[in-house]
Amino acid sequence: MSTLLWSLAKENPWPGLALASLNLVVALSLVGLSLLLGVTISLLAWLHALIDREAAPIGRRAPRRRATP
């Protein structure tokens, strides 16, 4: 079977090259999509943490020392 494919590739390599380039385009677009999705999820998680953060009450802060002259 591989010798049959090899003989066909020798005669006309364009279909194989077209399929390889299509495979490369699909792979690069999937990698780009996964990176975009990862960055979007990270930004949403950061924004959610920023919004839900509570301010510390004044009573829980450490007391300040007075400056001695």
PDB file of N, CA and C in Angstrom:
ATOM      1  N   MET A   1       0.818  -1.192   0.000  1.00  0.00           N
ATOM      2  CA  MET A   1       0.000   0.000   0.000  1.00  0.00           C
ATOM      3  C   MET A   1       0.867   1.263   0.000  1.00  0.00           C
ATOM      4  N   SER A   2       1.936   1.265   0.806  1.00  0.00           N
ATOM      5  CA  SER A   2       2.773   2.461   0.860  1.00  0.00           C
ATOM      6  C   SER A   2       3.513   2.666  -0.455  1.00  0.00           C
ATOM      7  N   THR A   3       3.868   1.575  -1.168  1.00  0.00           N
ATOM      8  CA  THR A   3       4.531   1.745  -2.459  1.00  0.00           C
ATOM      9  C   THR A   3       3.573   2.340  -3.481  1.00  0.00           C
ATOM     10  N   LEU A   4       2.295   2.000  -3.385  1.00  0.00           N
ATOM     11  CA  LEU A   4       1.300   2.590  -4.276  1.00  0.00           C
ATOM     12  C   LEU A   4       1.171   4.099  -4.008  1.00  0.00           C
ATOM     13  N   LEU A   5       1.120   4.476  -2.709  1.00  0.00           N
ATOM     14  CA  LEU A   5       1.036   5.891  -2.378  1.00  0.00           C
ATOM     15  C   LEU A   5       2.310   6.626  -2.786  1.00  0.00           C
ATOM     16  N   TRP A   6       3.449   5.970  -2.617  1.00  0.00           N
ATOM     17  CA  TRP A   6       4.723   6.602  -2.987  1.00  0.00           C
ATOM     18  C   TRP A   6       4.790   6.829  -4.494  1.00  0.00           C
ATOM     19  N   SER A   7       4.303   5.862  -5.274  1.00  0.00           N
ATOM     20  CA  SER A   7       4.322   6.032  -6.726  1.00  0.00           C
ATOM     21  C   SER A   7       3.355   7.126  -7.170  1.00  0.00           C
ATOM     22  N   LEU A   8       2.220   7.250  -6.473  1.00  0.00           N
ATOM     23  CA  LEU A   8       1.290   8.334  -6.801  1.00  0.00           C
ATOM     24  C   LEU A   8       1.874   9.686  -6.398  1.00  0.00           C
ATOM     25  N   ALA A   9       2.598   9.730  -5.291  1.00  0.00           N
ATOM     26  CA  ALA A   9       3.200  10.982  -4.848  1.00  0.00           C
ATOM     27  C   ALA A   9       4.316  11.417  -5.796  1.00  0.00           C
ATOM     28  N   LYS A  10       4.981  10.454  -6.402  1.00  0.00           N
ATOM     29  CA  LYS A  10       6.030  10.806  -7.362  1.00  0.00           C
ATOM     30  C   LYS A  10       5.426  11.451  -8.606  1.00  0.00           C
ATOM     31  N   GLU A  11       4.266  10.983  -8.994  1.00  0.00           N
ATOM     32  CA  GLU A  11       3.648  11.527 -10.198  1.00  0.00           C
ATOM     33  C   GLU A  11       3.078  12.924  -9.963  1.00  0.00           C
ATOM     34  N   ASN A  12       2.359  13.120  -8.860  1.00  0.00           N
ATOM     35  CA  ASN A  12       1.731  14.409  -8.595  1.00  0.00           C
ATOM     36  C   ASN A  12       1.799  14.696  -7.089  1.00  0.00           C
ATOM     37  N   PRO A  13       2.764  15.503  -6.650  1.00  0.00           N
ATOM     38  CA  PRO A  13       2.900  15.752  -5.210  1.00  0.00           C
ATOM     39  C   PRO A  13       1.947  16.818  -4.676  1.00  0.00           C
ATOM     40  N   TRP A  14       1.218  17.516  -5.547  1.00  0.00           N
ATOM     41  CA  TRP A  14       0.396  18.634  -5.098  1.00  0.00           C
ATOM     42  C   TRP A  14      -0.725  18.254  -4.142  1.00  0.00           C
ATOM     43  N   PRO A  15      -1.443  17.147  -4.344  1.00  0.00           N
ATOM     44  CA  PRO A  15      -2.490  16.818  -3.354  1.00  0.00           C
ATOM     45  C   PRO A  15      -1.922  16.565  -1.957  1.00  0.00           C
ATOM     46  N   GLY A  16      -0.774  15.909  -1.889  1.00  0.00           N
ATOM     47  CA  GLY A  16      -0.149  15.662  -0.586  1.00  0.00           C
ATOM     48  C   GLY A  16       0.328  16.949   0.069  1.00  0.00           C
ATOM     49  N   LEU A  17       0.876  17.858  -0.735  1.00  0.00           N
ATOM     50  CA  LEU A  17       1.317  19.142  -0.193  1.00  0.00           C
ATOM     51  C   LEU A  17       0.122  19.989   0.267  1.00  0.00           C
ATOM     52  N   ALA A  18      -0.955  19.941  -0.473  1.00  0.00           N
ATOM     53  CA  ALA A  18      -2.152  20.683  -0.087  1.00  0.00           C
ATOM     54  C   ALA A  18      -2.719  20.150   1.227  1.00  0.00           C
ATOM     55  N   LEU A  19      -2.727  18.820   1.370  1.00  0.00           N
ATOM     56  CA  LEU A  19      -3.232  18.223   2.599  1.00  0.00           C
ATOM     57  C   LEU A  19      -2.321  18.541   3.784  1.00  0.00           C
ATOM     58  N   ALA A  20      -1.024  18.532   3.571  1.00  0.00           N
ATOM     59  CA  ALA A  20      -0.079  18.863   4.643  1.00  0.00           C
ATOM     60  C   ALA A  20      -0.221  20.327   5.063  1.00  0.00           C
ATOM     61  N   SER A  21      -0.386  21.220   4.103  1.00  0.00           N
ATOM     62  CA  SER A  21      -0.547  22.629   4.465  1.00  0.00           C
ATOM     63  C   SER A  21      -1.879  22.876   5.157  1.00  0.00           C
ATOM     64  N   LEU A  22      -2.924  22.166   4.753  1.00  0.00           N
ATOM     65  CA  LEU A  22      -4.208  22.284   5.437  1.00  0.00           C
ATOM     66  C   LEU A  22      -4.095  21.784   6.870  1.00  0.00           C
ATOM     67  N   ASN A  23      -3.368  20.697   7.054  1.00  0.00           N
ATOM     68  CA  ASN A  23      -3.139  20.151   8.387  1.00  0.00           C
ATOM     69  C   ASN A  23      -2.387  21.158   9.254  1.00  0.00           C
ATOM     70  N   LEU A  24      -1.410  21.827   8.682  1.00  0.00           N
ATOM     71  CA  LEU A  24      -0.640  22.831   9.419  1.00  0.00           C
ATOM     72  C   LEU A  24      -1.516  24.025   9.800  1.00  0.00           C
ATOM     73  N   VAL A  25      -2.355  24.466   8.895  1.00  0.00           N
ATOM     74  CA  VAL A  25      -3.249  25.601   9.179  1.00  0.00           C
ATOM     75  C   VAL A  25      -4.226  25.238  10.287  1.00  0.00           C
ATOM     76  N   VAL A  26      -4.780  24.059  10.247  1.00  0.00           N
ATOM     77  CA  VAL A  26      -5.725  23.627  11.284  1.00  0.00           C
ATOM     78  C   VAL A  26      -5.015  23.526  12.634  1.00  0.00           C
ATOM     79  N   ALA A  27      -3.809  22.978  12.650  1.00  0.00           N
ATOM     80  CA  ALA A  27      -3.063  22.842  13.906  1.00  0.00           C
ATOM     81  C   ALA A  27      -2.723  24.204  14.495  1.00  0.00           C
ATOM     82  N   LEU A  28      -2.274  25.140  13.675  1.00  0.00           N
ATOM     83  CA  LEU A  28      -1.934  26.474  14.173  1.00  0.00           C
ATOM     84  C   LEU A  28      -3.163  27.231  14.658  1.00  0.00           C
ATOM     85  N   SER A  29      -4.278  27.056  13.985  1.00  0.00           N
ATOM     86  CA  SER A  29      -5.487  27.734  14.434  1.00  0.00           C
ATOM     87  C   SER A  29      -5.993  27.146  15.753  1.00  0.00           C
ATOM     88  N   LEU A  30      -5.849  25.847  15.946  1.00  0.00           N
ATOM     89  CA  LEU A  30      -6.251  25.240  17.220  1.00  0.00           C
ATOM     90  C   LEU A  30      -5.350  25.702  18.360  1.00  0.00           C
ATOM     91  N   VAL A  31      -4.058  25.818  18.105  1.00  0.00           N
ATOM     92  CA  VAL A  31      -3.134  26.313  19.131  1.00  0.00           C
ATOM     93  C   VAL A  31      -3.468  27.764  19.471  1.00  0.00           C
ATOM     94  N   GLY A  32      -3.715  28.577  18.465  1.00  0.00           N
ATOM     95  CA  GLY A  32      -4.080  29.967  18.714  1.00  0.00           C
ATOM     96  C   GLY A  32      -5.383  30.092  19.481  1.00  0.00           C
ATOM     97  N   LEU A  33      -6.357  29.268  19.147  1.00  0.00           N
ATOM     98  CA  LEU A  33      -7.634  29.296  19.841  1.00  0.00           C
ATOM     99  C   LEU A  33      -7.478  28.887  21.294  1.00  0.00           C
ATOM    100  N   SER A  34      -6.660  27.885  21.567  1.00  0.00           N
ATOM    101  CA  SER A  34      -6.459  27.459  22.952  1.00  0.00           C
ATOM    102  C   SER A  34      -5.721  28.521  23.751  1.00  0.00           C
ATOM    103  N   LEU A  35      -4.762  29.213  23.144  1.00  0.00           N
ATOM    104  CA  LEU A  35      -4.079  30.301  23.841  1.00  0.00           C
ATOM    105  C   LEU A  35      -5.035  31.458  24.137  1.00  0.00           C
ATOM    106  N   LEU A  36      -5.861  31.798  23.176  1.00  0.00           N
ATOM    107  CA  LEU A  36      -6.834  32.865  23.372  1.00  0.00           C
ATOM    108  C   LEU A  36      -7.832  32.513  24.468  1.00  0.00           C
ATOM    109  N   LEU A  37      -8.271  31.282  24.486  1.00  0.00           N
ATOM    110  CA  LEU A  37      -9.205  30.836  25.513  1.00  0.00           C
ATOM    111  C   LEU A  37      -8.549  30.842  26.889  1.00  0.00           C
ATOM    112  N   GLY A  38      -7.290  30.422  26.975  1.00  0.00           N
ATOM    113  CA  GLY A  38      -6.581  30.431  28.252  1.00  0.00           C
ATOM    114  C   GLY A  38      -6.393  31.828  28.792  1.00  0.00           C
ATOM    115  N   VAL A  39      -6.044  32.776  27.934  1.00  0.00           N
ATOM    116  CA  VAL A  39      -5.866  34.165  28.373  1.00  0.00           C
ATOM    117  C   VAL A  39      -7.207  34.751  28.806  1.00  0.00           C
ATOM    118  N   THR A  40      -8.271  34.456  28.075  1.00  0.00           N
ATOM    119  CA  THR A  40      -9.597  34.970  28.427  1.00  0.00           C
ATOM    120  C   THR A  40     -10.050  34.442  29.784  1.00  0.00           C
ATOM    121  N   ILE A  41      -9.860  33.165  30.024  1.00  0.00           N
ATOM    122  CA  ILE A  41     -10.260  32.581  31.304  1.00  0.00           C
ATOM    123  C   ILE A  41      -9.423  33.161  32.440  1.00  0.00           C
ATOM    124  N   SER A  42      -8.137  33.375  32.211  1.00  0.00           N
ATOM    125  CA  SER A  42      -7.282  33.964  33.246  1.00  0.00           C
ATOM    126  C   SER A  42      -7.712  35.389  33.577  1.00  0.00           C
ATOM    127  N   LEU A  43      -8.025  36.169  32.559  1.00  0.00           N
ATOM    128  CA  LEU A  43      -8.479  37.538  32.809  1.00  0.00           C
ATOM    129  C   LEU A  43      -9.812  37.578  33.545  1.00  0.00           C
ATOM    130  N   LEU A  44     -10.716  36.683  33.194  1.00  0.00           N
ATOM    131  CA  LEU A  44     -11.996  36.635  33.890  1.00  0.00           C
ATOM    132  C   LEU A  44     -11.820  36.216  35.348  1.00  0.00           C
ATOM    133  N   ALA A  45     -10.933  35.271  35.608  1.00  0.00           N
ATOM    134  CA  ALA A  45     -10.676  34.851  36.983  1.00  0.00           C
ATOM    135  C   ALA A  45     -10.037  35.977  37.787  1.00  0.00           C
ATOM    136  N   TRP A  46      -9.115  36.717  37.176  1.00  0.00           N
ATOM    137  CA  TRP A  46      -8.477  37.841  37.863  1.00  0.00           C
ATOM    138  C   TRP A  46      -9.505  38.931  38.170  1.00  0.00           C
ATOM    139  N   LEU A  47     -10.364  39.222  37.210  1.00  0.00           N
ATOM    140  CA  LEU A  47     -11.383  40.238  37.414  1.00  0.00           C
ATOM    141  C   LEU A  47     -12.367  39.818  38.505  1.00  0.00           C
ATOM    142  N   HIS A  48     -12.731  38.552  38.532  1.00  0.00           N
ATOM    143  CA  HIS A  48     -13.641  38.042  39.551  1.00  0.00           C
ATOM    144  C   HIS A  48     -13.003  38.152  40.934  1.00  0.00           C
ATOM    145  N   ALA A  49     -11.725  37.825  41.043  1.00  0.00           N
ATOM    146  CA  ALA A  49     -11.028  37.938  42.325  1.00  0.00           C
ATOM    147  C   ALA A  49     -10.889  39.398  42.746  1.00  0.00           C
ATOM    148  N   LEU A  50     -10.696  40.288  41.790  1.00  0.00           N
ATOM    149  CA  LEU A  50     -10.565  41.706  42.102  1.00  0.00           C
ATOM    150  C   LEU A  50     -11.878  42.292  42.594  1.00  0.00           C
ATOM    151  N   ILE A  51     -12.978  41.885  42.009  1.00  0.00           N
ATOM    152  CA  ILE A  51     -14.286  42.410  42.396  1.00  0.00           C
ATOM    153  C   ILE A  51     -14.724  41.846  43.752  1.00  0.00           C
ATOM    154  N   ASP A  52     -14.450  40.586  44.015  1.00  0.00           N
ATOM    155  CA  ASP A  52     -14.910  39.948  45.254  1.00  0.00           C
ATOM    156  C   ASP A  52     -14.020  40.235  46.453  1.00  0.00           C
ATOM    157  N   ARG A  53     -12.913  40.927  46.260  1.00  0.00           N
ATOM    158  CA  ARG A  53     -12.009  41.184  47.378  1.00  0.00           C
ATOM    159  C   ARG A  53     -12.670  42.170  48.338  1.00  0.00           C
ATOM    160  N   GLU A  54     -12.640  41.828  49.626  1.00  0.00           N
ATOM    161  CA  GLU A  54     -13.247  42.690  50.630  1.00  0.00           C
ATOM    162  C   GLU A  54     -12.176  43.593  51.237  1.00  0.00           C
ATOM    163  N   ALA A  55     -12.576  44.811  51.560  1.00  0.00           N
ATOM    164  CA  ALA A  55     -11.654  45.728  52.217  1.00  0.00           C
ATOM    165  C   ALA A  55     -11.496  45.312  53.677  1.00  0.00           C
ATOM    166  N   ALA A  56     -10.287  45.408  54.202  1.00  0.00           N
ATOM    167  CA  ALA A  56     -10.030  45.055  55.592  1.00  0.00           C
ATOM    168  C   ALA A  56     -10.603  46.139  56.499  1.00  0.00           C
ATOM    169  N   PRO A  57     -11.327  45.752  57.555  1.00  0.00           N
ATOM    170  CA  PRO A  57     -11.852  46.762  58.480  1.00  0.00           C
ATOM    171  C   PRO A  57     -10.712  47.485  59.197  1.00  0.00           C
ATOM    172  N   ILE A  58     -10.971  48.708  59.609  1.00  0.00           N
ATOM    173  CA  ILE A  58      -9.934  49.520  60.242  1.00  0.00           C
ATOM    174  C   ILE A  58      -9.478  48.902  61.558  1.00  0.00           C
ATOM    175  N   GLY A  59     -10.373  48.272  62.290  1.00  0.00           N
ATOM    176  CA  GLY A  59     -10.030  47.689  63.588  1.00  0.00           C
ATOM    177  C   GLY A  59      -9.016  46.560  63.496  1.00  0.00           C
ATOM    178  N   ARG A  60      -8.901  45.907  62.363  1.00  0.00           N
ATOM    179  CA  ARG A  60      -7.983  44.772  62.230  1.00  0.00           C
ATOM    180  C   ARG A  60      -6.585  45.181  61.791  1.00  0.00           C
ATOM    181  N   ARG A  61      -6.398  46.437  61.476  1.00  0.00           N
ATOM    182  CA  ARG A  61      -5.072  46.865  61.048  1.00  0.00           C
ATOM    183  C   ARG A  61      -4.120  46.914  62.222  1.00  0.00           C
ATOM    184  N   ALA A  62      -2.838  46.796  61.946  1.00  0.00           N
ATOM    185  CA  ALA A  62      -1.821  46.888  62.990  1.00  0.00           C
ATOM    186  C   ALA A  62      -1.751  48.331  63.483  1.00  0.00           C
ATOM    187  N   PRO A  63      -1.595  48.528  64.783  1.00  0.00           N
ATOM    188  CA  PRO A  63      -1.516  49.908  65.298  1.00  0.00           C
ATOM    189  C   PRO A  63      -0.237  50.588  64.838  1.00  0.00           C
ATOM    190  N   ARG A  64      -0.376  51.884  64.568  1.00  0.00           N
ATOM    191  CA  ARG A  64       0.789  52.668  64.140  1.00  0.00           C
ATOM    192  C   ARG A  64       1.532  53.181  65.347  1.00  0.00           C
ATOM    193  N   ARG A  65       2.829  53.249  65.231  1.00  0.00           N
ATOM    194  CA  ARG A  65       3.641  53.791  66.309  1.00  0.00           C
ATOM    195  C   ARG A  65       3.791  55.286  66.113  1.00  0.00           C
ATOM    196  N   ARG A  66       3.834  55.979  67.232  1.00  0.00           N
ATOM    197  CA  ARG A  66       4.055  57.414  67.159  1.00  0.00           C
ATOM    198  C   ARG A  66       5.531  57.691  66.953  1.00  0.00           C
ATOM    199  N   ALA A  67       5.802  58.690  66.199  1.00  0.00           N
ATOM    200  CA  ALA A  67       7.195  59.089  65.961  1.00  0.00           C
ATOM    201  C   ALA A  67       7.724  59.778  67.214  1.00  0.00           C
ATOM    202  N   THR A  68       8.897  59.371  67.669  1.00  0.00           N
ATOM    203  CA  THR A  68       9.508  60.000  68.844  1.00  0.00           C
ATOM    204  C   THR A  68      10.483  61.070  68.395  1.00  0.00           C
ATOM    205  N   PRO A  69      10.355  62.279  68.963  1.00  0.00           N
ATOM    206  CA  PRO A  69      11.246  63.364  68.538  1.00  0.00           C
ATOM    207  C   PRO A  69      12.624  63.273  69.132  1.00  0.00           C
TER     208      PRO A  69
END
